[in-house]
PDB file of N, CA and C in Angstrom:
ATOM      1  N   MET A   1     -25.249   6.678  -9.067  1.00  0.00           N
ATOM      2  CA  MET A   1     -24.446   6.921  -8.580  1.00  0.00           C
ATOM      3  C   MET A   1     -23.410   7.822  -9.034  1.00  0.00           C
ATOM      4  N   ILE A   2     -23.370   8.549  -7.786  1.00  0.00           N
ATOM      5  CA  ILE A   2     -22.865   9.499  -7.270  1.00  0.00           C
ATOM      6  C   ILE A   2     -21.465  10.101  -7.586  1.00  0.00           C
ATOM      7  N   PRO A   3     -20.604  10.457  -8.207  1.00  0.00           N
ATOM      8  CA  PRO A   3     -19.050  10.567  -8.264  1.00  0.00           C
ATOM      9  C   PRO A   3     -18.822  11.584  -7.571  1.00  0.00           C
ATOM     10  N   TYR A   4     -18.130  10.996  -5.617  1.00  0.00           N
ATOM     11  CA  TYR A   4     -17.174  11.862  -4.951  1.00  0.00           C
ATOM     12  C   TYR A   4     -16.413  12.160  -4.664  1.00  0.00           C
ATOM     13  N   ALA A   5     -15.717  11.556  -5.052  1.00  0.00           N
ATOM     14  CA  ALA A   5     -13.913  12.214  -5.594  1.00  0.00           C
ATOM     15  C   ALA A   5     -12.500  10.821  -6.636  1.00  0.00           C
ATOM     16  N   ARG A   6     -11.988  10.624  -7.197  1.00  0.00           N
ATOM     17  CA  ARG A   6     -11.903  10.081  -7.785  1.00  0.00           C
ATOM     18  C   ARG A   6     -10.249  10.064  -7.777  1.00  0.00           C
ATOM     19  N   GLN A   7      -9.912   8.334  -7.373  1.00  0.00           N
ATOM     20  CA  GLN A   7      -8.223   8.197  -6.065  1.00  0.00           C
ATOM     21  C   GLN A   7      -7.715   8.558  -7.256  1.00  0.00           C
ATOM     22  N   SER A   8      -6.628   7.651  -6.972  1.00  0.00           N
ATOM     23  CA  SER A   8      -4.756   8.521  -7.323  1.00  0.00           C
ATOM     24  C   SER A   8      -4.454   8.041  -7.143  1.00  0.00           C
ATOM     25  N   ILE A   9      -4.247   6.461  -7.775  1.00  0.00           N
ATOM     26  CA  ILE A   9      -2.911   5.568  -7.413  1.00  0.00           C
ATOM     27  C   ILE A   9      -2.423   4.985  -8.952  1.00  0.00           C
ATOM     28  N   SER A  10      -0.698   4.678  -8.896  1.00  0.00           N
ATOM     29  CA  SER A  10      -0.355   4.656  -9.814  1.00  0.00           C
ATOM     30  C   SER A  10       0.569   3.145 -10.353  1.00  0.00           C
ATOM     31  N   ALA A  11       1.138   4.576 -10.316  1.00  0.00           N
ATOM     32  CA  ALA A  11       1.551   2.315 -11.382  1.00  0.00           C
ATOM     33  C   ALA A  11       3.161   1.240  -9.662  1.00  0.00           C
ATOM     34  N   GLU A  12       3.377   2.897  -9.346  1.00  0.00           N
ATOM     35  CA  GLU A  12       4.492   2.714  -8.043  1.00  0.00           C
ATOM     36  C   GLU A  12       3.632   1.649  -6.854  1.00  0.00           C
ATOM     37  N   ASP A  13       2.200   2.558  -6.752  1.00  0.00           N
ATOM     38  CA  ASP A  13       0.843   2.382  -5.698  1.00  0.00           C
ATOM     39  C   ASP A  13       0.859   0.520  -5.608  1.00  0.00           C
ATOM     40  N   ILE A  14       0.696   0.647  -7.510  1.00  0.00           N
ATOM     41  CA  ILE A  14      -0.372  -1.258  -6.926  1.00  0.00           C
ATOM     42  C   ILE A  14       1.225  -1.852  -7.010  1.00  0.00           C
ATOM     43  N   GLU A  15       2.699  -1.508  -7.318  1.00  0.00           N
ATOM     44  CA  GLU A  15       3.827  -2.404  -7.233  1.00  0.00           C
ATOM     45  C   GLU A  15       3.990  -2.725  -5.656  1.00  0.00           C
ATOM     46  N   ALA A  16       3.748  -2.230  -5.322  1.00  0.00           N
ATOM     47  CA  ALA A  16       4.164  -1.897  -3.439  1.00  0.00           C
ATOM     48  C   ALA A  16       2.713  -2.920  -2.841  1.00  0.00           C
ATOM     49  N   VAL A  17       1.782  -2.745  -2.773  1.00  0.00           N
ATOM     50  CA  VAL A  17       1.065  -3.366  -3.000  1.00  0.00           C
ATOM     51  C   VAL A  17       0.918  -5.071  -3.468  1.00  0.00           C
ATOM     52  N   VAL A  18       2.016  -5.692  -4.470  1.00  0.00           N
ATOM     53  CA  VAL A  18       1.844  -6.854  -4.924  1.00  0.00           C
ATOM     54  C   VAL A  18       3.081  -7.714  -4.487  1.00  0.00           C
ATOM     55  N   ASP A  19       4.184  -6.810  -4.170  1.00  0.00           N
ATOM     56  CA  ASP A  19       5.467  -7.024  -3.150  1.00  0.00           C
ATOM     57  C   ASP A  19       4.520  -7.896  -1.862  1.00  0.00           C
ATOM     58  N   VAL A  20       4.412  -6.383  -1.544  1.00  0.00           N
ATOM     59  CA  VAL A  20       4.086  -7.031   0.245  1.00  0.00           C
ATOM     60  C   VAL A  20       2.338  -8.819  -0.230  1.00  0.00           C
ATOM     61  N   LEU A  21       2.050  -8.218  -1.192  1.00  0.00           N
ATOM     62  CA  LEU A  21       0.871  -9.693  -1.177  1.00  0.00           C
ATOM     63  C   LEU A  21       1.474 -10.979  -1.635  1.00  0.00           C
ATOM     64  N   GLN A  22       2.864 -10.521  -1.875  1.00  0.00           N
ATOM     65  CA  GLN A  22       3.799 -11.869  -2.533  1.00  0.00           C
ATOM     66  C   GLN A  22       4.604 -12.254  -1.327  1.00  0.00           C
ATOM     67  N   SER A  23       4.815 -11.135  -0.463  1.00  0.00           N
ATOM     68  CA  SER A  23       5.583 -10.949   0.579  1.00  0.00           C
ATOM     69  C   SER A  23       5.219 -12.978   1.738  1.00  0.00           C
ATOM     70  N   ASP A  24       6.296 -12.715   3.247  1.00  0.00           N
ATOM     71  CA  ASP A  24       6.481 -13.039   4.178  1.00  0.00           C
ATOM     72  C   ASP A  24       4.862 -12.715   4.639  1.00  0.00           C
ATOM     73  N   TRP A  25       5.211 -11.306   4.611  1.00  0.00           N
ATOM     74  CA  TRP A  25       4.396 -10.485   5.152  1.00  0.00           C
ATOM     75  C   TRP A  25       3.344  -9.964   5.420  1.00  0.00           C
ATOM     76  N   LEU A  26       1.715  -9.980   5.720  1.00  0.00           N
ATOM     77  CA  LEU A  26       0.799  -9.182   5.310  1.00  0.00           C
ATOM     78  C   LEU A  26       0.416  -7.922   6.281  1.00  0.00           C
ATOM     79  N   THR A  27       0.904  -8.989   7.790  1.00  0.00           N
ATOM     80  CA  THR A  27       0.753  -7.512   9.198  1.00  0.00           C
ATOM     81  C   THR A  27       1.551  -8.066   9.206  1.00  0.00           C
ATOM     82  N   GLN A  28       2.554  -7.135   9.864  1.00  0.00           N
ATOM     83  CA  GLN A  28       3.546  -6.671  10.499  1.00  0.00           C
ATOM     84  C   GLN A  28       4.616  -6.733   9.624  1.00  0.00           C
ATOM     85  N   GLY A  29       5.066  -6.499   9.908  1.00  0.00           N
ATOM     86  CA  GLY A  29       6.500  -7.111   9.369  1.00  0.00           C
ATOM     87  C   GLY A  29       7.763  -6.078   8.980  1.00  0.00           C
ATOM     88  N   PRO A  30       8.588  -5.776   7.861  1.00  0.00           N
ATOM     89  CA  PRO A  30       9.520  -4.345   7.317  1.00  0.00           C
ATOM     90  C   PRO A  30       8.063  -2.699   7.337  1.00  0.00           C
ATOM     91  N   THR A  31       7.788  -3.359   6.251  1.00  0.00           N
ATOM     92  CA  THR A  31       6.519  -2.988   5.009  1.00  0.00           C
ATOM     93  C   THR A  31       5.842  -1.506   5.874  1.00  0.00           C
ATOM     94  N   VAL A  32       5.329  -2.177   7.807  1.00  0.00           N
ATOM     95  CA  VAL A  32       4.417  -1.678   8.011  1.00  0.00           C
ATOM     96  C   VAL A  32       4.951  -0.617   9.099  1.00  0.00           C
ATOM     97  N   GLU A  33       6.906  -0.750   9.463  1.00  0.00           N
ATOM     98  CA  GLU A  33       7.723  -0.651  10.917  1.00  0.00           C
ATOM     99  C   GLU A  33       8.083   0.381   9.840  1.00  0.00           C
ATOM    100  N   ARG A  34       8.285   0.986   8.126  1.00  0.00           N
ATOM    101  CA  ARG A  34       8.739   1.855   7.045  1.00  0.00           C
ATOM    102  C   ARG A  34       7.611   2.806   7.282  1.00  0.00           C
ATOM    103  N   PHE A  35       6.066   2.054   7.161  1.00  0.00           N
ATOM    104  CA  PHE A  35       5.196   3.375   7.212  1.00  0.00           C
ATOM    105  C   PHE A  35       4.880   3.995   8.749  1.00  0.00           C
ATOM    106  N   GLU A  36       4.796   2.824   9.648  1.00  0.00           N
ATOM    107  CA  GLU A  36       4.235   3.216  11.022  1.00  0.00           C
ATOM    108  C   GLU A  36       5.888   4.955  11.384  1.00  0.00           C
ATOM    109  N   ALA A  37       7.126   4.417  11.224  1.00  0.00           N
ATOM    110  CA  ALA A  37       8.413   5.499  11.061  1.00  0.00           C
ATOM    111  C   ALA A  37       7.470   6.585  10.126  1.00  0.00           C
ATOM    112  N   ALA A  38       7.854   6.290   8.857  1.00  0.00           N
ATOM    113  CA  ALA A  38       7.269   7.752   8.159  1.00  0.00           C
ATOM    114  C   ALA A  38       6.136   8.460   8.270  1.00  0.00           C
ATOM    115  N   VAL A  39       4.651   7.974   8.758  1.00  0.00           N
ATOM    116  CA  VAL A  39       3.870   8.814  10.280  1.00  0.00           C
ATOM    117  C   VAL A  39       4.131   8.926  11.420  1.00  0.00           C
TER     118      VAL A  39
END
């Protein structure tokens, strides 16, 4: 395998994903709204 990029995933990133997976909102919802407002 030829490596082409090294990802950078912080503990904070992992925590944010886990929070969403444990919530009632996998699609749409407050996290998506915050993301869309930020970009």
